[in-house]
Amino acid sequence: MTDVSCCKPLVNPTANQAKLSEEERKGKLKPLLDNGWSMVVDRDAIRKQFSFKNFIDAFGFMTKVAIKAEKMNHHPEWFNVYNKVDVTLSSHDVNGLSNRDVTLAKFIDSSSVCEH
């Protein structure tokens, strides 16, 4: 049987989301920044590059993230060449980082570990 645990919504996609406050940023972004995410210059967004064994593993990772992102109604900006995937997260509706970005970044990190 197929494991569908990855398909359960992480957050209510219709919930009113707000831009992270300065206080929230201190607590919620630091673990991500310590884990390889970086702030995007001239934009309220975070980015990270992931490397995989090959294109199939990279594409599998993107597929897993795409399913979760769709369930969250929150879609990453990404770029893929062979075994590399660059991911940028920002919430366009609040013009910056929100809890959805933090939640999706954590899921992306956990998904990348499983793919290697």
PDB file of N, CA and C in Angstrom:
ATOM      1  N   MET A   1       0.835  -1.174   0.000  1.00  0.00           N
ATOM      2  CA  MET A   1       0.000   0.000   0.000  1.00  0.00           C
ATOM      3  C   MET A   1       0.886   1.245   0.000  1.00  0.00           C
ATOM      4  N   THR A   2       0.455   2.282  -0.663  1.00  0.00           N
ATOM      5  CA  THR A   2       1.203   3.527  -0.768  1.00  0.00           C
ATOM      6  C   THR A   2       1.086   4.330   0.522  1.00  0.00           C
ATOM      7  N   ASP A   3       2.217   4.883   0.980  1.00  0.00           N
ATOM      8  CA  ASP A   3       2.232   5.744   2.156  1.00  0.00           C
ATOM      9  C   ASP A   3       1.768   7.130   1.739  1.00  0.00           C
ATOM     10  N   VAL A   4       0.621   7.551   2.258  1.00  0.00           N
ATOM     11  CA  VAL A   4       0.085   8.863   1.897  1.00  0.00           C
ATOM     12  C   VAL A   4       0.289   9.884   3.010  1.00  0.00           C
ATOM     13  N   SER A   5       1.116   9.555   4.001  1.00  0.00           N
ATOM     14  CA  SER A   5       1.331  10.492   5.103  1.00  0.00           C
ATOM     15  C   SER A   5       1.919  11.811   4.616  1.00  0.00           C
ATOM     16  N   CYS A   6       2.630  11.772   3.496  1.00  0.00           N
ATOM     17  CA  CYS A   6       3.204  13.020   2.977  1.00  0.00           C
ATOM     18  C   CYS A   6       2.140  13.927   2.378  1.00  0.00           C
ATOM     19  N   CYS A   7       0.942  13.422   2.196  1.00  0.00           N
ATOM     20  CA  CYS A   7      -0.090  14.192   1.512  1.00  0.00           C
ATOM     21  C   CYS A   7      -1.067  14.890   2.457  1.00  0.00           C
ATOM     22  N   LYS A   8      -0.891  14.742   3.768  1.00  0.00           N
ATOM     23  CA  LYS A   8      -1.774  15.413   4.713  1.00  0.00           C
ATOM     24  C   LYS A   8      -1.396  16.889   4.789  1.00  0.00           C
ATOM     25  N   PRO A   9      -2.385  17.777   4.826  1.00  0.00           N
ATOM     26  CA  PRO A   9      -2.066  19.207   4.887  1.00  0.00           C
ATOM     27  C   PRO A   9      -1.243  19.550   6.119  1.00  0.00           C
ATOM     28  N   LEU A  10      -0.238  20.418   5.947  1.00  0.00           N
ATOM     29  CA  LEU A  10       0.568  20.896   7.066  1.00  0.00           C
ATOM     30  C   LEU A  10      -0.134  22.034   7.792  1.00  0.00           C
ATOM     31  N   VAL A  11      -0.829  22.854   7.052  1.00  0.00           N
ATOM     32  CA  VAL A  11      -1.534  23.998   7.621  1.00  0.00           C
ATOM     33  C   VAL A  11      -2.853  24.137   6.883  1.00  0.00           C
ATOM     34  N   ASN A  12      -3.750  24.883   7.459  1.00  0.00           N
ATOM     35  CA  ASN A  12      -5.000  25.192   6.781  1.00  0.00           C
ATOM     36  C   ASN A  12      -4.683  26.155   5.640  1.00  0.00           C
ATOM     37  N   PRO A  13      -4.837  25.713   4.379  1.00  0.00           N
ATOM     38  CA  PRO A  13      -4.449  26.572   3.258  1.00  0.00           C
ATOM     39  C   PRO A  13      -5.264  27.850   3.150  1.00  0.00           C
ATOM     40  N   THR A  14      -6.420  27.908   3.803  1.00  0.00           N
ATOM     41  CA  THR A  14      -7.230  29.120   3.727  1.00  0.00           C
ATOM     42  C   THR A  14      -7.012  30.030   4.932  1.00  0.00           C
ATOM     43  N   ALA A  15      -6.165  29.609   5.869  1.00  0.00           N
ATOM     44  CA  ALA A  15      -5.920  30.428   7.056  1.00  0.00           C
ATOM     45  C   ALA A  15      -5.266  31.748   6.660  1.00  0.00           C
ATOM     46  N   ASN A  16      -5.648  32.793   7.367  1.00  0.00           N
ATOM     47  CA  ASN A  16      -5.062  34.108   7.122  1.00  0.00           C
ATOM     48  C   ASN A  16      -3.621  34.093   7.613  1.00  0.00           C
ATOM     49  N   GLN A  17      -2.686  34.243   6.712  1.00  0.00           N
ATOM     50  CA  GLN A  17      -1.269  34.220   7.053  1.00  0.00           C
ATOM     51  C   GLN A  17      -0.747  35.647   7.137  1.00  0.00           C
ATOM     52  N   ALA A  18       0.180  35.839   8.047  1.00  0.00           N
ATOM     53  CA  ALA A  18       0.798  37.150   8.204  1.00  0.00           C
ATOM     54  C   ALA A  18       2.303  37.026   8.023  1.00  0.00           C
ATOM     55  N   LYS A  19       2.919  38.118   7.658  1.00  0.00           N
ATOM     56  CA  LYS A  19       4.368  38.182   7.549  1.00  0.00           C
ATOM     57  C   LYS A  19       4.954  37.955   8.947  1.00  0.00           C
ATOM     58  N   LEU A  20       6.065  37.222   9.012  1.00  0.00           N
ATOM     59  CA  LEU A  20       6.709  36.972  10.297  1.00  0.00           C
ATOM     60  C   LEU A  20       7.136  38.286  10.946  1.00  0.00           C
ATOM     61  N   SER A  21       6.866  38.403  12.240  1.00  0.00           N
ATOM     62  CA  SER A  21       7.321  39.573  12.990  1.00  0.00           C
ATOM     63  C   SER A  21       8.820  39.436  13.266  1.00  0.00           C
ATOM     64  N   GLU A  22       9.438  40.503  13.718  1.00  0.00           N
ATOM     65  CA  GLU A  22      10.868  40.448  14.052  1.00  0.00           C
ATOM     66  C   GLU A  22      11.118  39.412  15.136  1.00  0.00           C
ATOM     67  N   GLU A  23      10.241  39.342  16.114  1.00  0.00           N
ATOM     68  CA  GLU A  23      10.390  38.368  17.201  1.00  0.00           C
ATOM     69  C   GLU A  23      10.262  36.939  16.667  1.00  0.00           C
ATOM     70  N   GLU A  24       9.280  36.695  15.799  1.00  0.00           N
ATOM     71  CA  GLU A  24       9.114  35.359  15.205  1.00  0.00           C
ATOM     72  C   GLU A  24      10.329  34.975  14.363  1.00  0.00           C
ATOM     73  N   ARG A  25      10.886  35.935  13.655  1.00  0.00           N
ATOM     74  CA  ARG A  25      12.056  35.667  12.817  1.00  0.00           C
ATOM     75  C   ARG A  25      13.215  35.137  13.644  1.00  0.00           C
ATOM     76  N   LYS A  26      13.439  35.743  14.805  1.00  0.00           N
ATOM     77  CA  LYS A  26      14.555  35.329  15.662  1.00  0.00           C
ATOM     78  C   LYS A  26      14.440  33.856  16.028  1.00  0.00           C
ATOM     79  N   GLY A  27      13.255  33.435  16.405  1.00  0.00           N
ATOM     80  CA  GLY A  27      13.073  32.056  16.838  1.00  0.00           C
ATOM     81  C   GLY A  27      12.883  31.054  15.713  1.00  0.00           C
ATOM     82  N   LYS A  28      12.186  31.446  14.671  1.00  0.00           N
ATOM     83  CA  LYS A  28      11.814  30.485  13.630  1.00  0.00           C
ATOM     84  C   LYS A  28      12.809  30.389  12.476  1.00  0.00           C
ATOM     85  N   LEU A  29      13.493  31.468  12.162  1.00  0.00           N
ATOM     86  CA  LEU A  29      14.427  31.425  11.035  1.00  0.00           C
ATOM     87  C   LEU A  29      15.814  30.923  11.429  1.00  0.00           C
ATOM     88  N   LYS A  30      16.222  31.154  12.665  1.00  0.00           N
ATOM     89  CA  LYS A  30      17.571  30.761  13.076  1.00  0.00           C
ATOM     90  C   LYS A  30      17.850  29.278  12.839  1.00  0.00           C
ATOM     91  N   PRO A  31      16.956  28.357  13.239  1.00  0.00           N
ATOM     92  CA  PRO A  31      17.242  26.939  12.971  1.00  0.00           C
ATOM     93  C   PRO A  31      17.392  26.639  11.477  1.00  0.00           C
ATOM     94  N   LEU A  32      16.627  27.325  10.642  1.00  0.00           N
ATOM     95  CA  LEU A  32      16.732  27.115   9.195  1.00  0.00           C
ATOM     96  C   LEU A  32      18.055  27.658   8.667  1.00  0.00           C
ATOM     97  N   LEU A  33      18.427  28.840   9.124  1.00  0.00           N
ATOM     98  CA  LEU A  33      19.694  29.440   8.688  1.00  0.00           C
ATOM     99  C   LEU A  33      20.876  28.600   9.167  1.00  0.00           C
ATOM    100  N   ASP A  34      20.749  28.025  10.355  1.00  0.00           N
ATOM    101  CA  ASP A  34      21.798  27.135  10.875  1.00  0.00           C
ATOM    102  C   ASP A  34      21.878  25.828  10.085  1.00  0.00           C
ATOM    103  N   ASN A  35      20.812  25.510   9.362  1.00  0.00           N
ATOM    104  CA  ASN A  35      20.748  24.259   8.594  1.00  0.00           C
ATOM    105  C   ASN A  35      20.957  24.486   7.091  1.00  0.00           C
ATOM    106  N   GLY A  36      21.578  25.605   6.725  1.00  0.00           N
ATOM    107  CA  GLY A  36      21.948  25.794   5.323  1.00  0.00           C
ATOM    108  C   GLY A  36      21.080  26.727   4.506  1.00  0.00           C
ATOM    109  N   TRP A  37      19.945  27.158   5.035  1.00  0.00           N
ATOM    110  CA  TRP A  37      19.138  28.143   4.332  1.00  0.00           C
ATOM    111  C   TRP A  37      19.831  29.495   4.474  1.00  0.00           C
ATOM    112  N   SER A  38      19.624  30.379   3.512  1.00  0.00           N
ATOM    113  CA  SER A  38      20.199  31.723   3.596  1.00  0.00           C
ATOM    114  C   SER A  38      19.149  32.743   3.176  1.00  0.00           C
ATOM    115  N   MET A  39      19.327  33.956   3.659  1.00  0.00           N
ATOM    116  CA  MET A  39      18.432  35.040   3.279  1.00  0.00           C
ATOM    117  C   MET A  39      18.776  35.477   1.858  1.00  0.00           C
ATOM    118  N   VAL A  40      17.762  35.785   1.082  1.00  0.00           N
ATOM    119  CA  VAL A  40      17.949  36.267  -0.285  1.00  0.00           C
ATOM    120  C   VAL A  40      18.210  37.772  -0.226  1.00  0.00           C
ATOM    121  N   VAL A  41      19.223  38.219  -0.938  1.00  0.00           N
ATOM    122  CA  VAL A  41      19.576  39.639  -0.972  1.00  0.00           C
ATOM    123  C   VAL A  41      18.460  40.430  -1.660  1.00  0.00           C
ATOM    124  N   ASP A  42      18.103  41.564  -1.098  1.00  0.00           N
ATOM    125  CA  ASP A  42      17.099  42.484  -1.658  1.00  0.00           C
ATOM    126  C   ASP A  42      15.695  41.896  -1.728  1.00  0.00           C
ATOM    127  N   ARG A  43      15.415  40.907  -0.864  1.00  0.00           N
ATOM    128  CA  ARG A  43      14.093  40.292  -0.892  1.00  0.00           C
ATOM    129  C   ARG A  43      13.851  39.589   0.430  1.00  0.00           C
ATOM    130  N   ASP A  44      12.627  39.578   0.903  1.00  0.00           N
ATOM    131  CA  ASP A  44      12.293  38.875   2.142  1.00  0.00           C
ATOM    132  C   ASP A  44      11.964  37.428   1.794  1.00  0.00           C
ATOM    133  N   ALA A  45      13.024  36.633   1.607  1.00  0.00           N
ATOM    134  CA  ALA A  45      12.883  35.241   1.182  1.00  0.00           C
ATOM    135  C   ALA A  45      14.096  34.457   1.670  1.00  0.00           C
ATOM    136  N   ILE A  46      13.955  33.131   1.695  1.00  0.00           N
ATOM    137  CA  ILE A  46      15.072  32.251   2.031  1.00  0.00           C
ATOM    138  C   ILE A  46      15.317  31.306   0.870  1.00  0.00           C
ATOM    139  N   ARG A  47      16.580  30.831   0.762  1.00  0.00           N
ATOM    140  CA  ARG A  47      16.912  29.907  -0.325  1.00  0.00           C
ATOM    141  C   ARG A  47      17.896  28.869   0.175  1.00  0.00           C
ATOM    142  N   LYS A  48      17.908  27.745  -0.541  1.00  0.00           N
ATOM    143  CA  LYS A  48      18.854  26.672  -0.237  1.00  0.00           C
ATOM    144  C   LYS A  48      19.039  25.826  -1.487  1.00  0.00           C
ATOM    145  N   GLN A  49      20.262  25.303  -1.665  1.00  0.00           N
ATOM    146  CA  GLN A  49      20.524  24.388  -2.774  1.00  0.00           C
ATOM    147  C   GLN A  49      20.668  22.975  -2.215  1.00  0.00           C
ATOM    148  N   PHE A  50      20.047  22.035  -2.904  1.00  0.00           N
ATOM    149  CA  PHE A  50      20.110  20.626  -2.536  1.00  0.00           C
ATOM    150  C   PHE A  50      20.811  19.860  -3.648  1.00  0.00           C
ATOM    151  N   SER A  51      21.635  18.896  -3.272  1.00  0.00           N
ATOM    152  CA  SER A  51      22.343  18.046  -4.234  1.00  0.00           C
ATOM    153  C   SER A  51      21.949  16.600  -4.000  1.00  0.00           C
ATOM    154  N   PHE A  52      21.754  15.885  -5.089  1.00  0.00           N
ATOM    155  CA  PHE A  52      21.345  14.488  -5.026  1.00  0.00           C
ATOM    156  C   PHE A  52      22.293  13.624  -5.835  1.00  0.00           C
ATOM    157  N   LYS A  53      22.107  12.322  -5.730  1.00  0.00           N
ATOM    158  CA  LYS A  53      22.960  11.376  -6.448  1.00  0.00           C
ATOM    159  C   LYS A  53      22.844  11.545  -7.952  1.00  0.00           C
ATOM    160  N   ASN A  54      21.616  11.801  -8.417  1.00  0.00           N
ATOM    161  CA  ASN A  54      21.370  11.874  -9.854  1.00  0.00           C
ATOM    162  C   ASN A  54      20.068  12.635 -10.115  1.00  0.00           C
ATOM    163  N   PHE A  55      19.707  12.750 -11.380  1.00  0.00           N
ATOM    164  CA  PHE A  55      18.497  13.476 -11.760  1.00  0.00           C
ATOM    165  C   PHE A  55      17.237  12.812 -11.216  1.00  0.00           C
ATOM    166  N   ILE A  56      17.187  11.497 -11.242  1.00  0.00           N
ATOM    167  CA  ILE A  56      16.000  10.777 -10.754  1.00  0.00           C
ATOM    168  C   ILE A  56      15.743  11.107  -9.286  1.00  0.00           C
ATOM    169  N   ASP A  57      16.793  11.104  -8.462  1.00  0.00           N
ATOM    170  CA  ASP A  57      16.622  11.439  -7.045  1.00  0.00           C
ATOM    171  C   ASP A  57      16.191  12.894  -6.874  1.00  0.00           C
ATOM    172  N   ALA A  58      16.764  13.794  -7.665  1.00  0.00           N
ATOM    173  CA  ALA A  58      16.386  15.207  -7.593  1.00  0.00           C
ATOM    174  C   ALA A  58      14.921  15.388  -7.991  1.00  0.00           C
ATOM    175  N   PHE A  59      14.513  14.715  -9.044  1.00  0.00           N
ATOM    176  CA  PHE A  59      13.133  14.829  -9.513  1.00  0.00           C
ATOM    177  C   PHE A  59      12.162  14.208  -8.511  1.00  0.00           C
ATOM    178  N   GLY A  60      12.554  13.100  -7.899  1.00  0.00           N
ATOM    179  CA  GLY A  60      11.722  12.477  -6.866  1.00  0.00           C
ATOM    180  C   GLY A  60      11.513  13.413  -5.684  1.00  0.00           C
ATOM    181  N   PHE A  61      12.575  14.078  -5.273  1.00  0.00           N
ATOM    182  CA  PHE A  61      12.506  15.071  -4.200  1.00  0.00           C
ATOM    183  C   PHE A  61      11.538  16.190  -4.581  1.00  0.00           C
ATOM    184  N   MET A  62      11.663  16.705  -5.797  1.00  0.00           N
ATOM    185  CA  MET A  62      10.790  17.784  -6.246  1.00  0.00           C
ATOM    186  C   MET A  62       9.331  17.338  -6.285  1.00  0.00           C
ATOM    187  N   THR A  63       9.098  16.110  -6.693  1.00  0.00           N
ATOM    188  CA  THR A  63       7.733  15.588  -6.747  1.00  0.00           C
ATOM    189  C   THR A  63       7.130  15.508  -5.353  1.00  0.00           C
ATOM    190  N   LYS A  64       7.901  14.991  -4.405  1.00  0.00           N
ATOM    191  CA  LYS A  64       7.420  14.882  -3.023  1.00  0.00           C
ATOM    192  C   LYS A  64       7.096  16.267  -2.460  1.00  0.00           C
ATOM    193  N   VAL A  65       7.985  17.224  -2.685  1.00  0.00           N
ATOM    194  CA  VAL A  65       7.759  18.586  -2.201  1.00  0.00           C
ATOM    195  C   VAL A  65       6.563  19.216  -2.912  1.00  0.00           C
ATOM    196  N   ALA A  66       6.421  18.967  -4.207  1.00  0.00           N
ATOM    197  CA  ALA A  66       5.306  19.541  -4.971  1.00  0.00           C
ATOM    198  C   ALA A  66       3.960  19.072  -4.438  1.00  0.00           C
ATOM    199  N   ILE A  67       3.860  17.811  -4.073  1.00  0.00           N
ATOM    200  CA  ILE A  67       2.602  17.281  -3.534  1.00  0.00           C
ATOM    201  C   ILE A  67       2.263  17.976  -2.222  1.00  0.00           C
ATOM    202  N   LYS A  68       3.248  18.102  -1.340  1.00  0.00           N
ATOM    203  CA  LYS A  68       3.023  18.769  -0.051  1.00  0.00           C
ATOM    204  C   LYS A  68       2.701  20.247  -0.256  1.00  0.00           C
ATOM    205  N   ALA A  69       3.437  20.908  -1.132  1.00  0.00           N
ATOM    206  CA  ALA A  69       3.216  22.333  -1.383  1.00  0.00           C
ATOM    207  C   ALA A  69       1.809  22.582  -1.922  1.00  0.00           C
ATOM    208  N   GLU A  70       1.353  21.712  -2.787  1.00  0.00           N
ATOM    209  CA  GLU A  70       0.000  21.854  -3.338  1.00  0.00           C
ATOM    210  C   GLU A  70      -1.041  21.713  -2.237  1.00  0.00           C
ATOM    211  N   LYS A  71      -0.833  20.766  -1.339  1.00  0.00           N
ATOM    212  CA  LYS A  71      -1.759  20.581  -0.216  1.00  0.00           C
ATOM    213  C   LYS A  71      -1.779  21.814   0.686  1.00  0.00           C
ATOM    214  N   MET A  72      -0.645  22.496   0.778  1.00  0.00           N
ATOM    215  CA  MET A  72      -0.542  23.710   1.592  1.00  0.00           C
ATOM    216  C   MET A  72      -1.005  24.955   0.836  1.00  0.00           C
ATOM    217  N   ASN A  73      -1.211  24.815  -0.472  1.00  0.00           N
ATOM    218  CA  ASN A  73      -1.481  25.962  -1.339  1.00  0.00           C
ATOM    219  C   ASN A  73      -0.358  26.998  -1.199  1.00  0.00           C
ATOM    220  N   HIS A  74       0.869  26.475  -1.197  1.00  0.00           N
ATOM    221  CA  HIS A  74       2.052  27.325  -1.036  1.00  0.00           C
ATOM    222  C   HIS A  74       3.163  26.731  -1.895  1.00  0.00           C
ATOM    223  N   HIS A  75       3.576  27.439  -2.906  1.00  0.00           N
ATOM    224  CA  HIS A  75       4.434  26.851  -3.928  1.00  0.00           C
ATOM    225  C   HIS A  75       5.818  27.486  -3.948  1.00  0.00           C
ATOM    226  N   PRO A  76       6.849  26.640  -3.925  1.00  0.00           N
ATOM    227  CA  PRO A  76       8.213  27.169  -3.941  1.00  0.00           C
ATOM    228  C   PRO A  76       8.599  27.683  -5.325  1.00  0.00           C
ATOM    229  N   GLU A  77       9.574  28.552  -5.334  1.00  0.00           N
ATOM    230  CA  GLU A  77      10.252  28.904  -6.579  1.00  0.00           C
ATOM    231  C   GLU A  77      11.461  27.987  -6.606  1.00  0.00           C
ATOM    232  N   TRP A  78      11.640  27.275  -7.719  1.00  0.00           N
ATOM    233  CA  TRP A  78      12.803  26.397  -7.760  1.00  0.00           C
ATOM    234  C   TRP A  78      13.361  26.254  -9.149  1.00  0.00           C
ATOM    235  N   PHE A  79      14.594  25.780  -9.171  1.00  0.00           N
ATOM    236  CA  PHE A  79      15.333  25.621 -10.414  1.00  0.00           C
ATOM    237  C   PHE A  79      16.105  24.319 -10.304  1.00  0.00           C
ATOM    238  N   ASN A  80      16.025  23.495 -11.353  1.00  0.00           N
ATOM    239  CA  ASN A  80      16.675  22.185 -11.324  1.00  0.00           C
ATOM    240  C   ASN A  80      17.560  22.000 -12.542  1.00  0.00           C
ATOM    241  N   VAL A  81      18.796  21.574 -12.296  1.00  0.00           N
ATOM    242  CA  VAL A  81      19.699  21.114 -13.345  1.00  0.00           C
ATOM    243  C   VAL A  81      20.329  19.830 -12.844  1.00  0.00           C
ATOM    244  N   TYR A  82      20.109  18.756 -13.586  1.00  0.00           N
ATOM    245  CA  TYR A  82      20.612  17.422 -13.274  1.00  0.00           C
ATOM    246  C   TYR A  82      20.349  17.048 -11.816  1.00  0.00           C
ATOM    247  N   ASN A  83      21.374  17.031 -10.963  1.00  0.00           N
ATOM    248  CA  ASN A  83      21.186  16.554  -9.588  1.00  0.00           C
ATOM    249  C   ASN A  83      21.078  17.696  -8.571  1.00  0.00           C
ATOM    250  N   LYS A  84      20.967  18.919  -9.036  1.00  0.00           N
ATOM    251  CA  LYS A  84      20.883  20.089  -8.151  1.00  0.00           C
ATOM    252  C   LYS A  84      19.485  20.702  -8.211  1.00  0.00           C
ATOM    253  N   VAL A  85      18.981  21.091  -7.038  1.00  0.00           N
ATOM    254  CA  VAL A  85      17.697  21.783  -6.951  1.00  0.00           C
ATOM    255  C   VAL A  85      17.893  23.010  -6.065  1.00  0.00           C
ATOM    256  N   ASP A  86      17.652  24.188  -6.625  1.00  0.00           N
ATOM    257  CA  ASP A  86      17.688  25.440  -5.866  1.00  0.00           C
ATOM    258  C   ASP A  86      16.254  25.799  -5.493  1.00  0.00           C
ATOM    259  N   VAL A  87      16.022  26.040  -4.210  1.00  0.00           N
ATOM    260  CA  VAL A  87      14.680  26.350  -3.723  1.00  0.00           C
ATOM    261  C   VAL A  87      14.681  27.733  -3.077  1.00  0.00           C
ATOM    262  N   THR A  88      13.696  28.546  -3.435  1.00  0.00           N
ATOM    263  CA  THR A  88      13.479  29.846  -2.796  1.00  0.00           C
ATOM    264  C   THR A  88      12.057  29.870  -2.262  1.00  0.00           C
ATOM    265  N   LEU A  89      11.920  30.329  -1.013  1.00  0.00           N
ATOM    266  CA  LEU A  89      10.604  30.400  -0.378  1.00  0.00           C
ATOM    267  C   LEU A  89      10.298  31.823   0.066  1.00  0.00           C
ATOM    268  N   SER A  90       9.088  32.261  -0.230  1.00  0.00           N
ATOM    269  CA  SER A  90       8.550  33.539   0.216  1.00  0.00           C
ATOM    270  C   SER A  90       7.045  33.480  -0.005  1.00  0.00           C
ATOM    271  N   SER A  91       6.300  34.179   0.826  1.00  0.00           N
ATOM    272  CA  SER A  91       4.838  34.199   0.685  1.00  0.00           C
ATOM    273  C   SER A  91       4.437  35.456  -0.071  1.00  0.00           C
ATOM    274  N   HIS A  92       4.019  35.278  -1.299  1.00  0.00           N
ATOM    275  CA  HIS A  92       3.703  36.414  -2.159  1.00  0.00           C
ATOM    276  C   HIS A  92       2.517  37.225  -1.640  1.00  0.00           C
ATOM    277  N   ASP A  93       1.568  36.546  -0.982  1.00  0.00           N
ATOM    278  CA  ASP A  93       0.387  37.262  -0.501  1.00  0.00           C
ATOM    279  C   ASP A  93       0.686  38.201   0.662  1.00  0.00           C
ATOM    280  N   VAL A  94       1.796  37.980   1.377  1.00  0.00           N
ATOM    281  CA  VAL A  94       2.178  38.895   2.457  1.00  0.00           C
ATOM    282  C   VAL A  94       3.472  39.639   2.119  1.00  0.00           C
ATOM    283  N   ASN A  95       3.958  39.421   0.911  1.00  0.00           N
ATOM    284  CA  ASN A  95       5.174  40.079   0.427  1.00  0.00           C
ATOM    285  C   ASN A  95       6.365  39.845   1.357  1.00  0.00           C
ATOM    286  N   GLY A  96       6.545  38.577   1.740  1.00  0.00           N
ATOM    287  CA  GLY A  96       7.669  38.242   2.606  1.00  0.00           C
ATOM    288  C   GLY A  96       7.506  36.870   3.222  1.00  0.00           C
ATOM    289  N   LEU A  97       8.284  36.621   4.247  1.00  0.00           N
ATOM    290  CA  LEU A  97       8.286  35.312   4.896  1.00  0.00           C
ATOM    291  C   LEU A  97       7.133  35.173   5.880  1.00  0.00           C
ATOM    292  N   SER A  98       6.506  33.993   5.855  1.00  0.00           N
ATOM    293  CA  SER A  98       5.409  33.682   6.769  1.00  0.00           C
ATOM    294  C   SER A  98       5.660  32.311   7.390  1.00  0.00           C
ATOM    295  N   ASN A  99       4.762  31.918   8.273  1.00  0.00           N
ATOM    296  CA  ASN A  99       4.859  30.591   8.880  1.00  0.00           C
ATOM    297  C   ASN A  99       4.800  29.483   7.835  1.00  0.00           C
ATOM    298  N   ARG A 100       4.114  29.727   6.725  1.00  0.00           N
ATOM    299  CA  ARG A 100       4.064  28.712   5.665  1.00  0.00           C
ATOM    300  C   ARG A 100       5.455  28.424   5.122  1.00  0.00           C
ATOM    301  N   ASP A 101       6.275  29.450   4.991  1.00  0.00           N
ATOM    302  CA  ASP A 101       7.640  29.253   4.493  1.00  0.00           C
ATOM    303  C   ASP A 101       8.461  28.427   5.475  1.00  0.00           C
ATOM    304  N   VAL A 102       8.315  28.722   6.755  1.00  0.00           N
ATOM    305  CA  VAL A 102       9.036  27.973   7.788  1.00  0.00           C
ATOM    306  C   VAL A 102       8.602  26.511   7.767  1.00  0.00           C
ATOM    307  N   THR A 103       7.300  26.281   7.718  1.00  0.00           N
ATOM    308  CA  THR A 103       6.768  24.916   7.707  1.00  0.00           C
ATOM    309  C   THR A 103       7.230  24.156   6.473  1.00  0.00           C
ATOM    310  N   LEU A 104       7.144  24.797   5.311  1.00  0.00           N
ATOM    311  CA  LEU A 104       7.556  24.121   4.082  1.00  0.00           C
ATOM    312  C   LEU A 104       9.067  23.889   4.066  1.00  0.00           C
ATOM    313  N   ALA A 105       9.850  24.828   4.558  1.00  0.00           N
ATOM    314  CA  ALA A 105      11.310  24.647   4.607  1.00  0.00           C
ATOM    315  C   ALA A 105      11.678  23.445   5.471  1.00  0.00           C
ATOM    316  N   LYS A 106      11.011  23.286   6.605  1.00  0.00           N
ATOM    317  CA  LYS A 106      11.277  22.126   7.474  1.00  0.00           C
ATOM    318  C   LYS A 106      10.926  20.826   6.754  1.00  0.00           C
ATOM    319  N   PHE A 107       9.797  20.821   6.056  1.00  0.00           N
ATOM    320  CA  PHE A 107       9.414  19.627   5.302  1.00  0.00           C
ATOM    321  C   PHE A 107      10.430  19.339   4.199  1.00  0.00           C
ATOM    322  N   ILE A 108      10.864  20.376   3.507  1.00  0.00           N
ATOM    323  CA  ILE A 108      11.844  20.213   2.430  1.00  0.00           C
ATOM    324  C   ILE A 108      13.136  19.629   2.981  1.00  0.00           C
ATOM    325  N   ASP A 109      13.595  20.150   4.108  1.00  0.00           N
ATOM    326  CA  ASP A 109      14.813  19.607   4.720  1.00  0.00           C
ATOM    327  C   ASP A 109      14.649  18.133   5.061  1.00  0.00           C
ATOM    328  N   SER A 110      13.526  17.768   5.663  1.00  0.00           N
ATOM    329  CA  SER A 110      13.317  16.361   6.033  1.00  0.00           C
ATOM    330  C   SER A 110      13.181  15.482   4.794  1.00  0.00           C
ATOM    331  N   SER A 111      12.620  16.011   3.730  1.00  0.00           N
ATOM    332  CA  SER A 111      12.480  15.242   2.487  1.00  0.00           C
ATOM    333  C   SER A 111      13.815  15.038   1.796  1.00  0.00           C
ATOM    334  N   SER A 112      14.698  16.010   1.903  1.00  0.00           N
ATOM    335  CA  SER A 112      15.996  15.879   1.237  1.00  0.00           C
ATOM    336  C   SER A 112      16.856  14.831   1.916  1.00  0.00           C
ATOM    337  N   VAL A 113      16.709  14.665   3.212  1.00  0.00           N
ATOM    338  CA  VAL A 113      17.473  13.658   3.954  1.00  0.00           C
ATOM    339  C   VAL A 113      17.066  12.266   3.504  1.00  0.00           C
ATOM    340  N   CYS A 114      15.781  12.064   3.284  1.00  0.00           N
ATOM    341  CA  CYS A 114      15.271  10.747   2.887  1.00  0.00           C
ATOM    342  C   CYS A 114      15.693  10.358   1.476  1.00  0.00           C
ATOM    343  N   GLU A 115      16.021  11.334   0.653  1.00  0.00           N
ATOM    344  CA  GLU A 115      16.310  11.051  -0.750  1.00  0.00           C
ATOM    345  C   GLU A 115      17.728  10.551  -0.991  1.00  0.00           C
ATOM    346  N   HIS A 116      18.655  10.783  -0.076  1.00  0.00           N
ATOM    347  CA  HIS A 116      20.057  10.408  -0.317  1.00  0.00           C
ATOM    348  C   HIS A 116      20.285   8.944  -0.070  1.00  0.00           C
TER     349      HIS A 116
END
